Amino acid sequence: MTSFFLKITEAGRSKLREIIEAPAYPGSKPFFLIEDLEDRDYLSALISATYNELPPPKPKKNASNKTDKKR
């Protein structure tokens, strides 16, 4: 069986046909367990809704900045 885990969001919860929460690995917080992978439009809407609710990624420190500070 093919499945994947998706971060829990309210937008994702509203799109899910079946809500299954499970840890992605032992000791992790719960995620939505997505097992229905046949409907591309459904998956696209679910992932887009989740993505749109997530905060923007934090800027990463540039590796060259770390090198410059050591000089």
PDB file of N, CA and C in Angstrom:
ATOM      1  N   MET A   1       0.846  -1.181   0.000  1.00  0.00           N
ATOM      2  CA  MET A   1       0.000   0.000   0.000  1.00  0.00           C
ATOM      3  C   MET A   1       0.890   1.242   0.000  1.00  0.00           C
ATOM      4  N   THR A   2       0.603   2.146  -0.872  1.00  0.00           N
ATOM      5  CA  THR A   2       1.337   3.402  -0.944  1.00  0.00           C
ATOM      6  C   THR A   2       0.560   4.465  -0.192  1.00  0.00           C
ATOM      7  N   SER A   3       1.276   5.259   0.577  1.00  0.00           N
ATOM      8  CA  SER A   3       0.657   6.333   1.347  1.00  0.00           C
ATOM      9  C   SER A   3       1.716   7.380   1.637  1.00  0.00           C
ATOM     10  N   PHE A   4       1.297   8.523   2.185  1.00  0.00           N
ATOM     11  CA  PHE A   4       2.247   9.535   2.623  1.00  0.00           C
ATOM     12  C   PHE A   4       1.656  10.308   3.788  1.00  0.00           C
ATOM     13  N   PHE A   5       2.525  11.036   4.475  1.00  0.00           N
ATOM     14  CA  PHE A   5       2.122  11.842   5.618  1.00  0.00           C
ATOM     15  C   PHE A   5       2.072  13.307   5.198  1.00  0.00           C
ATOM     16  N   LEU A   6       1.104  14.036   5.735  1.00  0.00           N
ATOM     17  CA  LEU A   6       0.919  15.450   5.424  1.00  0.00           C
ATOM     18  C   LEU A   6       0.736  16.206   6.729  1.00  0.00           C
ATOM     19  N   LYS A   7       1.381  17.353   6.838  1.00  0.00           N
ATOM     20  CA  LYS A   7       1.284  18.177   8.056  1.00  0.00           C
ATOM     21  C   LYS A   7      -0.178  18.510   8.330  1.00  0.00           C
ATOM     22  N   ILE A   8      -0.546  18.464   9.581  1.00  0.00           N
ATOM     23  CA  ILE A   8      -1.925  18.762   9.967  1.00  0.00           C
ATOM     24  C   ILE A   8      -2.161  20.272   9.916  1.00  0.00           C
ATOM     25  N   THR A   9      -3.175  20.670   9.159  1.00  0.00           N
ATOM     26  CA  THR A   9      -3.635  22.060   9.099  1.00  0.00           C
ATOM     27  C   THR A   9      -5.163  22.037   9.073  1.00  0.00           C
ATOM     28  N   GLU A  10      -5.772  23.142   9.439  1.00  0.00           N
ATOM     29  CA  GLU A  10      -7.239  23.222   9.378  1.00  0.00           C
ATOM     30  C   GLU A  10      -7.724  23.160   7.930  1.00  0.00           C
ATOM     31  N   ALA A  11      -6.991  23.805   7.023  1.00  0.00           N
ATOM     32  CA  ALA A  11      -7.375  23.768   5.612  1.00  0.00           C
ATOM     33  C   ALA A  11      -7.318  22.342   5.072  1.00  0.00           C
ATOM     34  N   GLY A  12      -6.281  21.608   5.442  1.00  0.00           N
ATOM     35  CA  GLY A  12      -6.176  20.223   5.012  1.00  0.00           C
ATOM     36  C   GLY A  12      -7.282  19.375   5.610  1.00  0.00           C
ATOM     37  N   ARG A  13      -7.583  19.609   6.888  1.00  0.00           N
ATOM     38  CA  ARG A  13      -8.650  18.859   7.556  1.00  0.00           C
ATOM     39  C   ARG A  13      -9.987  19.058   6.829  1.00  0.00           C
ATOM     40  N   SER A  14     -10.247  20.282   6.367  1.00  0.00           N
ATOM     41  CA  SER A  14     -11.521  20.560   5.696  1.00  0.00           C
ATOM     42  C   SER A  14     -11.613  19.875   4.332  1.00  0.00           C
ATOM     43  N   LYS A  15     -10.478  19.526   3.733  1.00  0.00           N
ATOM     44  CA  LYS A  15     -10.468  18.889   2.409  1.00  0.00           C
ATOM     45  C   LYS A  15     -10.453  17.365   2.467  1.00  0.00           C
ATOM     46  N   LEU A  16     -10.057  16.810   3.610  1.00  0.00           N
ATOM     47  CA  LEU A  16      -9.898  15.363   3.705  1.00  0.00           C
ATOM     48  C   LEU A  16     -11.226  14.627   3.607  1.00  0.00           C
ATOM     49  N   ARG A  17     -11.222  13.529   2.883  1.00  0.00           N
ATOM     50  CA  ARG A  17     -12.394  12.651   2.800  1.00  0.00           C
ATOM     51  C   ARG A  17     -12.448  11.747   4.022  1.00  0.00           C
ATOM     52  N   GLU A  18     -11.285  11.284   4.461  1.00  0.00           N
ATOM     53  CA  GLU A  18     -11.179  10.415   5.623  1.00  0.00           C
ATOM     54  C   GLU A  18     -10.014  10.917   6.470  1.00  0.00           C
ATOM     55  N   ILE A  19     -10.273  11.248   7.722  1.00  0.00           N
ATOM     56  CA  ILE A  19      -9.226  11.785   8.586  1.00  0.00           C
ATOM     57  C   ILE A  19      -8.576  10.648   9.368  1.00  0.00           C
ATOM     58  N   ILE A  20      -7.317  10.403   9.062  1.00  0.00           N
ATOM     59  CA  ILE A  20      -6.509   9.426   9.798  1.00  0.00           C
ATOM     60  C   ILE A  20      -5.270  10.169  10.265  1.00  0.00           C
ATOM     61  N   GLU A  21      -5.050  10.203  11.561  1.00  0.00           N
ATOM     62  CA  GLU A  21      -3.849  10.824  12.110  1.00  0.00           C
ATOM     63  C   GLU A  21      -2.938   9.728  12.635  1.00  0.00           C
ATOM     64  N   ALA A  22      -1.652   9.838  12.307  1.00  0.00           N
ATOM     65  CA  ALA A  22      -0.675   8.842  12.746  1.00  0.00           C
ATOM     66  C   ALA A  22       0.696   9.498  12.806  1.00  0.00           C
ATOM     67  N   PRO A  23       1.586   8.982  13.658  1.00  0.00           N
ATOM     68  CA  PRO A  23       2.952   9.519  13.680  1.00  0.00           C
ATOM     69  C   PRO A  23       3.721   9.040  12.446  1.00  0.00           C
ATOM     70  N   ALA A  24       4.557   9.905  11.902  1.00  0.00           N
ATOM     71  CA  ALA A  24       5.364   9.538  10.734  1.00  0.00           C
ATOM     72  C   ALA A  24       6.485   8.575  11.117  1.00  0.00           C
ATOM     73  N   TYR A  25       6.910   8.648  12.380  1.00  0.00           N
ATOM     74  CA  TYR A  25       7.938   7.750  12.915  1.00  0.00           C
ATOM     75  C   TYR A  25       7.712   7.690  14.425  1.00  0.00           C
ATOM     76  N   PRO A  26       8.256   6.695  15.083  1.00  0.00           N
ATOM     77  CA  PRO A  26       8.029   6.579  16.529  1.00  0.00           C
ATOM     78  C   PRO A  26       8.458   7.845  17.278  1.00  0.00           C
ATOM     79  N   GLY A  27       7.559   8.372  18.075  1.00  0.00           N
ATOM     80  CA  GLY A  27       7.848   9.558  18.869  1.00  0.00           C
ATOM     81  C   GLY A  27       7.539  10.881  18.183  1.00  0.00           C
ATOM     82  N   SER A  28       7.128  10.858  16.912  1.00  0.00           N
ATOM     83  CA  SER A  28       6.838  12.123  16.223  1.00  0.00           C
ATOM     84  C   SER A  28       5.430  12.593  16.557  1.00  0.00           C
ATOM     85  N   LYS A  29       5.177  13.863  16.273  1.00  0.00           N
ATOM     86  CA  LYS A  29       3.827  14.379  16.429  1.00  0.00           C
ATOM     87  C   LYS A  29       2.964  13.762  15.323  1.00  0.00           C
ATOM     88  N   PRO A  30       1.637  13.811  15.473  1.00  0.00           N
ATOM     89  CA  PRO A  30       0.795  13.202  14.444  1.00  0.00           C
ATOM     90  C   PRO A  30       0.761  14.020  13.161  1.00  0.00           C
ATOM     91  N   PHE A  31       0.571  13.318  12.078  1.00  0.00           N
ATOM     92  CA  PHE A  31       0.375  13.893  10.753  1.00  0.00           C
ATOM     93  C   PHE A  31      -0.879  13.267  10.172  1.00  0.00           C
ATOM     94  N   PHE A  32      -1.417  13.850   9.108  1.00  0.00           N
ATOM     95  CA  PHE A  32      -2.483  13.178   8.374  1.00  0.00           C
ATOM     96  C   PHE A  32      -1.835  12.047   7.583  1.00  0.00           C
ATOM     97  N   LEU A  33      -2.426  10.872   7.635  1.00  0.00           N
ATOM     98  CA  LEU A  33      -1.979   9.749   6.832  1.00  0.00           C
ATOM     99  C   LEU A  33      -2.878   9.696   5.607  1.00  0.00           C
ATOM    100  N   ILE A  34      -2.291   9.896   4.436  1.00  0.00           N
ATOM    101  CA  ILE A  34      -3.035   9.935   3.182  1.00  0.00           C
ATOM    102  C   ILE A  34      -2.826   8.613   2.465  1.00  0.00           C
ATOM    103  N   GLU A  35      -3.911   7.877   2.270  1.00  0.00           N
ATOM    104  CA  GLU A  35      -3.828   6.579   1.613  1.00  0.00           C
ATOM    105  C   GLU A  35      -4.538   6.548   0.264  1.00  0.00           C
ATOM    106  N   ASP A  36      -5.447   7.496   0.029  1.00  0.00           N
ATOM    107  CA  ASP A  36      -6.186   7.556  -1.236  1.00  0.00           C
ATOM    108  C   ASP A  36      -5.365   8.371  -2.234  1.00  0.00           C
ATOM    109  N   LEU A  37      -4.612   7.678  -3.080  1.00  0.00           N
ATOM    110  CA  LEU A  37      -3.695   8.366  -4.001  1.00  0.00           C
ATOM    111  C   LEU A  37      -4.152   8.310  -5.451  1.00  0.00           C
ATOM    112  N   GLU A  38      -5.347   7.866  -5.704  1.00  0.00           N
ATOM    113  CA  GLU A  38      -5.821   7.685  -7.079  1.00  0.00           C
ATOM    114  C   GLU A  38      -6.375   8.967  -7.710  1.00  0.00           C
ATOM    115  N   ASP A  39      -6.988   9.825  -6.928  1.00  0.00           N
ATOM    116  CA  ASP A  39      -7.657  11.021  -7.454  1.00  0.00           C
ATOM    117  C   ASP A  39      -6.693  12.204  -7.445  1.00  0.00           C
ATOM    118  N   ARG A  40      -6.141  12.518  -8.611  1.00  0.00           N
ATOM    119  CA  ARG A  40      -5.131  13.584  -8.706  1.00  0.00           C
ATOM    120  C   ARG A  40      -5.688  14.954  -8.341  1.00  0.00           C
ATOM    121  N   ASP A  41      -6.923  15.236  -8.749  1.00  0.00           N
ATOM    122  CA  ASP A  41      -7.523  16.535  -8.441  1.00  0.00           C
ATOM    123  C   ASP A  41      -7.718  16.705  -6.931  1.00  0.00           C
ATOM    124  N   TYR A  42      -8.156  15.641  -6.276  1.00  0.00           N
ATOM    125  CA  TYR A  42      -8.330  15.658  -4.824  1.00  0.00           C
ATOM    126  C   TYR A  42      -6.995  15.890  -4.127  1.00  0.00           C
ATOM    127  N   LEU A  43      -5.970  15.155  -4.512  1.00  0.00           N
ATOM    128  CA  LEU A  43      -4.649  15.316  -3.896  1.00  0.00           C
ATOM    129  C   LEU A  43      -4.087  16.705  -4.135  1.00  0.00           C
ATOM    130  N   SER A  44      -4.258  17.215  -5.331  1.00  0.00           N
ATOM    131  CA  SER A  44      -3.766  18.553  -5.655  1.00  0.00           C
ATOM    132  C   SER A  44      -4.444  19.605  -4.783  1.00  0.00           C
ATOM    133  N   ALA A  45      -5.755  19.507  -4.633  1.00  0.00           N
ATOM    134  CA  ALA A  45      -6.491  20.469  -3.799  1.00  0.00           C
ATOM    135  C   ALA A  45      -6.073  20.352  -2.338  1.00  0.00           C
ATOM    136  N   LEU A  46      -5.891  19.128  -1.857  1.00  0.00           N
ATOM    137  CA  LEU A  46      -5.486  18.890  -0.474  1.00  0.00           C
ATOM    138  C   LEU A  46      -4.102  19.462  -0.187  1.00  0.00           C
ATOM    139  N   ILE A  47      -3.150  19.185  -1.060  1.00  0.00           N
ATOM    140  CA  ILE A  47      -1.781  19.663  -0.862  1.00  0.00           C
ATOM    141  C   ILE A  47      -1.706  21.180  -1.019  1.00  0.00           C
ATOM    142  N   SER A  48      -2.423  21.732  -1.986  1.00  0.00           N
ATOM    143  CA  SER A  48      -2.430  23.191  -2.169  1.00  0.00           C
ATOM    144  C   SER A  48      -3.017  23.903  -0.951  1.00  0.00           C
ATOM    145  N   ALA A  49      -4.108  23.367  -0.417  1.00  0.00           N
ATOM    146  CA  ALA A  49      -4.730  23.972   0.762  1.00  0.00           C
ATOM    147  C   ALA A  49      -3.772  23.939   1.948  1.00  0.00           C
ATOM    148  N   THR A  50      -3.085  22.823   2.124  1.00  0.00           N
ATOM    149  CA  THR A  50      -2.121  22.700   3.219  1.00  0.00           C
ATOM    150  C   THR A  50      -0.961  23.660   3.019  1.00  0.00           C
ATOM    151  N   TYR A  51      -0.414  23.697   1.828  1.00  0.00           N
ATOM    152  CA  TYR A  51       0.718  24.573   1.504  1.00  0.00           C
ATOM    153  C   TYR A  51       0.371  26.036   1.777  1.00  0.00           C
ATOM    154  N   ASN A  52      -0.816  26.450   1.363  1.00  0.00           N
ATOM    155  CA  ASN A  52      -1.218  27.855   1.522  1.00  0.00           C
ATOM    156  C   ASN A  52      -1.380  28.263   2.982  1.00  0.00           C
ATOM    157  N   GLU A  53      -1.576  27.309   3.871  1.00  0.00           N
ATOM    158  CA  GLU A  53      -1.738  27.622   5.290  1.00  0.00           C
ATOM    159  C   GLU A  53      -0.403  27.632   6.048  1.00  0.00           C
ATOM    160  N   LEU A  54       0.628  27.078   5.474  1.00  0.00           N
ATOM    161  CA  LEU A  54       1.919  27.006   6.155  1.00  0.00           C
ATOM    162  C   LEU A  54       2.621  28.363   6.168  1.00  0.00           C
ATOM    163  N   PRO A  55       3.384  28.659   7.212  1.00  0.00           N
ATOM    164  CA  PRO A  55       4.140  29.914   7.246  1.00  0.00           C
ATOM    165  C   PRO A  55       5.271  29.853   6.224  1.00  0.00           C
ATOM    166  N   PRO A  56       5.753  31.012   5.781  1.00  0.00           N
ATOM    167  CA  PRO A  56       6.885  30.995   4.835  1.00  0.00           C
ATOM    168  C   PRO A  56       8.125  30.407   5.507  1.00  0.00           C
ATOM    169  N   PRO A  57       8.994  29.776   4.728  1.00  0.00           N
ATOM    170  CA  PRO A  57      10.206  29.200   5.325  1.00  0.00           C
ATOM    171  C   PRO A  57      11.112  30.286   5.888  1.00  0.00           C
ATOM    172  N   LYS A  58      11.811  29.950   6.941  1.00  0.00           N
ATOM    173  CA  LYS A  58      12.761  30.885   7.524  1.00  0.00           C
ATOM    174  C   LYS A  58      13.983  30.977   6.619  1.00  0.00           C
ATOM    175  N   PRO A  59      14.548  32.179   6.465  1.00  0.00           N
ATOM    176  CA  PRO A  59      15.745  32.300   5.610  1.00  0.00           C
ATOM    177  C   PRO A  59      16.904  31.502   6.195  1.00  0.00           C
ATOM    178  N   LYS A  60      17.619  30.840   5.323  1.00  0.00           N
ATOM    179  CA  LYS A  60      18.773  30.051   5.766  1.00  0.00           C
ATOM    180  C   LYS A  60      20.014  30.922   5.726  1.00  0.00           C
ATOM    181  N   LYS A  61      20.923  30.640   6.644  1.00  0.00           N
ATOM    182  CA  LYS A  61      22.188  31.364   6.650  1.00  0.00           C
ATOM    183  C   LYS A  61      23.033  30.864   5.495  1.00  0.00           C
ATOM    184  N   ASN A  62      23.627  31.779   4.809  1.00  0.00           N
ATOM    185  CA  ASN A  62      24.459  31.456   3.654  1.00  0.00           C
ATOM    186  C   ASN A  62      25.779  30.847   4.119  1.00  0.00           C
ATOM    187  N   ALA A  63      26.217  29.800   3.471  1.00  0.00           N
ATOM    188  CA  ALA A  63      27.469  29.130   3.839  1.00  0.00           C
ATOM    189  C   ALA A  63      28.657  30.085   3.706  1.00  0.00           C
ATOM    190  N   SER A  64      28.620  30.986   2.726  1.00  0.00           N
ATOM    191  CA  SER A  64      29.738  31.919   2.554  1.00  0.00           C
ATOM    192  C   SER A  64      29.803  32.919   3.708  1.00  0.00           C
ATOM    193  N   ASN A  65      28.656  33.237   4.315  1.00  0.00           N
ATOM    194  CA  ASN A  65      28.660  34.130   5.477  1.00  0.00           C
ATOM    195  C   ASN A  65      29.380  33.489   6.650  1.00  0.00           C
ATOM    196  N   LYS A  66      29.225  32.193   6.824  1.00  0.00           N
ATOM    197  CA  LYS A  66      29.897  31.502   7.903  1.00  0.00           C
ATOM    198  C   LYS A  66      31.412  31.521   7.693  1.00  0.00           C
ATOM    199  N   THR A  67      31.820  31.339   6.445  1.00  0.00           N
ATOM    200  CA  THR A  67      33.264  31.348   6.123  1.00  0.00           C
ATOM    201  C   THR A  67      33.857  32.734   6.361  1.00  0.00           C
ATOM    202  N   ASP A  68      33.114  33.773   5.946  1.00  0.00           N
ATOM    203  CA  ASP A  68      33.618  35.129   6.102  1.00  0.00           C
ATOM    204  C   ASP A  68      33.787  35.509   7.573  1.00  0.00           C
ATOM    205  N   LYS A  69      32.928  35.020   8.442  1.00  0.00           N
ATOM    206  CA  LYS A  69      33.010  35.357   9.861  1.00  0.00           C
ATOM    207  C   LYS A  69      34.224  34.715  10.528  1.00  0.00           C
ATOM    208  N   LYS A  70      34.701  33.614   9.988  1.00  0.00           N
ATOM    209  CA  LYS A  70      35.842  32.917  10.587  1.00  0.00           C
ATOM    210  C   LYS A  70      37.146  33.584  10.228  1.00  0.00           C
ATOM    211  N   ARG A  71      37.160  34.407   9.223  1.00  0.00           N
ATOM    212  CA  ARG A  71      38.404  35.056   8.791  1.00  0.00           C
ATOM    213  C   ARG A  71      38.818  36.155   9.692  1.00  0.00           C
TER     214      ARG A  71
END
